[in-house]
Amino acid sequence: MDSIEYRDRREAQRQAEAEGKVADSMEVRKALMQRFHNGEITLEQAQAELAKIKRNAKSNGQITRDQAFTS
């Protein structure tokens, strides 16, 4: 993959996140990590919650960050 294709894919990913199409968006991930840093949840709980969000993405009519990047 050349740098132009990579840039285009990253931009498509950012656009999909901005439109609310991505279940595990960067905002969701940051919120999980903030809860971890505040001591509300453990790292394992944060990872499990992220995995659950990614699993349920399709049934909620959304996609994952990886799908947004590769599509």
C-alpha atoms as a PDB file:
ATOM      1  CA  MET A   1       0.000   0.000   0.000  1.00  0.00           C
ATOM      2  CA  ASP A   2       1.468   3.330  -0.971  1.00  0.00           C
ATOM      3  CA  SER A   3       1.227   6.489   1.112  1.00  0.00           C
ATOM      4  CA  ILE A   4      -1.593   7.989  -0.953  1.00  0.00           C
ATOM      5  CA  GLU A   5      -3.777   4.904  -0.562  1.00  0.00           C
ATOM      6  CA  TYR A   6      -3.019   4.819   3.177  1.00  0.00           C
ATOM      7  CA  ARG A   7      -3.959   8.493   3.522  1.00  0.00           C
ATOM      8  CA  ASP A   8      -7.218   7.926   1.634  1.00  0.00           C
ATOM      9  CA  ARG A   9      -8.119   4.952   3.824  1.00  0.00           C
ATOM     10  CA  ARG A  10      -7.394   6.911   7.022  1.00  0.00           C
ATOM     11  CA  GLU A  11      -9.547   9.773   5.760  1.00  0.00           C
ATOM     12  CA  ALA A  12     -12.403   7.362   4.960  1.00  0.00           C
ATOM     13  CA  GLN A  13     -12.054   5.920   8.457  1.00  0.00           C
ATOM     14  CA  ARG A  14     -12.184   9.394  10.047  1.00  0.00           C
ATOM     15  CA  GLN A  15     -15.218  10.293   7.932  1.00  0.00           C
ATOM     16  CA  ALA A  16     -17.065   7.128   8.950  1.00  0.00           C
ATOM     17  CA  GLU A  17     -16.311   7.886  12.607  1.00  0.00           C
ATOM     18  CA  ALA A  18     -17.548  11.457  12.215  1.00  0.00           C
ATOM     19  CA  GLU A  19     -20.805  10.170  10.707  1.00  0.00           C
ATOM     20  CA  GLY A  20     -21.329   7.797  13.656  1.00  0.00           C
ATOM     21  CA  LYS A  21     -21.011   4.645  11.582  1.00  0.00           C
ATOM     22  CA  VAL A  22     -18.145   3.175  13.625  1.00  0.00           C
ATOM     23  CA  ALA A  23     -19.028   1.276  16.818  1.00  0.00           C
ATOM     24  CA  ASP A  24     -15.520   1.278  18.295  1.00  0.00           C
ATOM     25  CA  SER A  25     -14.628   4.841  17.339  1.00  0.00           C
ATOM     26  CA  MET A  26     -11.671   6.646  18.836  1.00  0.00           C
ATOM     27  CA  GLU A  27     -14.046   8.501  21.182  1.00  0.00           C
ATOM     28  CA  VAL A  28     -15.401   5.197  22.527  1.00  0.00           C
ATOM     29  CA  ARG A  29     -11.880   3.886  22.977  1.00  0.00           C
ATOM     30  CA  LYS A  30     -10.757   7.075  24.740  1.00  0.00           C
ATOM     31  CA  ALA A  31     -13.766   6.874  27.078  1.00  0.00           C
ATOM     32  CA  LEU A  32     -12.886   3.276  27.969  1.00  0.00           C
ATOM     33  CA  MET A  33      -9.281   4.223  28.681  1.00  0.00           C
ATOM     34  CA  GLN A  34     -10.406   7.194  30.788  1.00  0.00           C
ATOM     35  CA  ARG A  35     -12.513   4.822  32.903  1.00  0.00           C
ATOM     36  CA  PHE A  36      -9.459   2.573  33.240  1.00  0.00           C
ATOM     37  CA  HIS A  37      -7.206   5.457  34.284  1.00  0.00           C
ATOM     38  CA  ASN A  38      -9.816   6.636  36.802  1.00  0.00           C
ATOM     39  CA  GLY A  39      -9.763   3.179  38.379  1.00  0.00           C
ATOM     40  CA  GLU A  40     -13.397   2.411  37.543  1.00  0.00           C
ATOM     41  CA  ILE A  41     -12.501  -0.713  35.549  1.00  0.00           C
ATOM     42  CA  THR A  42      -9.469  -2.933  35.048  1.00  0.00           C
ATOM     43  CA  LEU A  43      -7.573  -3.225  31.789  1.00  0.00           C
ATOM     44  CA  GLU A  44      -9.084  -6.670  31.237  1.00  0.00           C
ATOM     45  CA  GLN A  45     -12.590  -5.263  31.720  1.00  0.00           C
ATOM     46  CA  ALA A  46     -11.852  -2.463  29.237  1.00  0.00           C
ATOM     47  CA  GLN A  47     -10.565  -4.972  26.696  1.00  0.00           C
ATOM     48  CA  ALA A  48     -13.597  -7.200  27.220  1.00  0.00           C
ATOM     49  CA  GLU A  49     -15.971  -4.266  26.806  1.00  0.00           C
ATOM     50  CA  LEU A  50     -14.233  -3.201  23.585  1.00  0.00           C
ATOM     51  CA  ALA A  51     -14.471  -6.758  22.252  1.00  0.00           C
ATOM     52  CA  LYS A  52     -18.191  -6.804  23.070  1.00  0.00           C
ATOM     53  CA  ILE A  53     -18.713  -3.469  21.295  1.00  0.00           C
ATOM     54  CA  LYS A  54     -16.928  -4.796  18.216  1.00  0.00           C
ATOM     55  CA  ARG A  55     -18.926  -8.061  18.267  1.00  0.00           C
ATOM     56  CA  ASN A  56     -22.245  -6.203  18.448  1.00  0.00           C
ATOM     57  CA  ALA A  57     -21.371  -3.632  15.780  1.00  0.00           C
ATOM     58  CA  LYS A  58     -23.086  -5.392  12.890  1.00  0.00           C
ATOM     59  CA  SER A  59     -26.305  -6.059  14.810  1.00  0.00           C
ATOM     60  CA  ASN A  60     -26.397  -2.353  15.735  1.00  0.00           C
ATOM     61  CA  GLY A  61     -26.030  -1.324  12.089  1.00  0.00           C
ATOM     62  CA  GLN A  62     -22.452  -0.137  12.503  1.00  0.00           C
ATOM     63  CA  ILE A  63     -18.966  -1.201  11.460  1.00  0.00           C
ATOM     64  CA  THR A  64     -15.608  -1.458  13.242  1.00  0.00           C
ATOM     65  CA  ARG A  65     -12.616   0.838  12.753  1.00  0.00           C
ATOM     66  CA  ASP A  66     -10.836  -1.967  10.904  1.00  0.00           C
ATOM     67  CA  GLN A  67     -13.757  -2.404   8.526  1.00  0.00           C
ATOM     68  CA  ALA A  68     -13.885   1.348   7.931  1.00  0.00           C
ATOM     69  CA  PHE A  69     -10.171   1.330   7.088  1.00  0.00           C
ATOM     70  CA  THR A  70     -10.273  -1.658   4.742  1.00  0.00           C
ATOM     71  CA  SER A  71     -13.467  -0.817   2.879  1.00  0.00           C
END
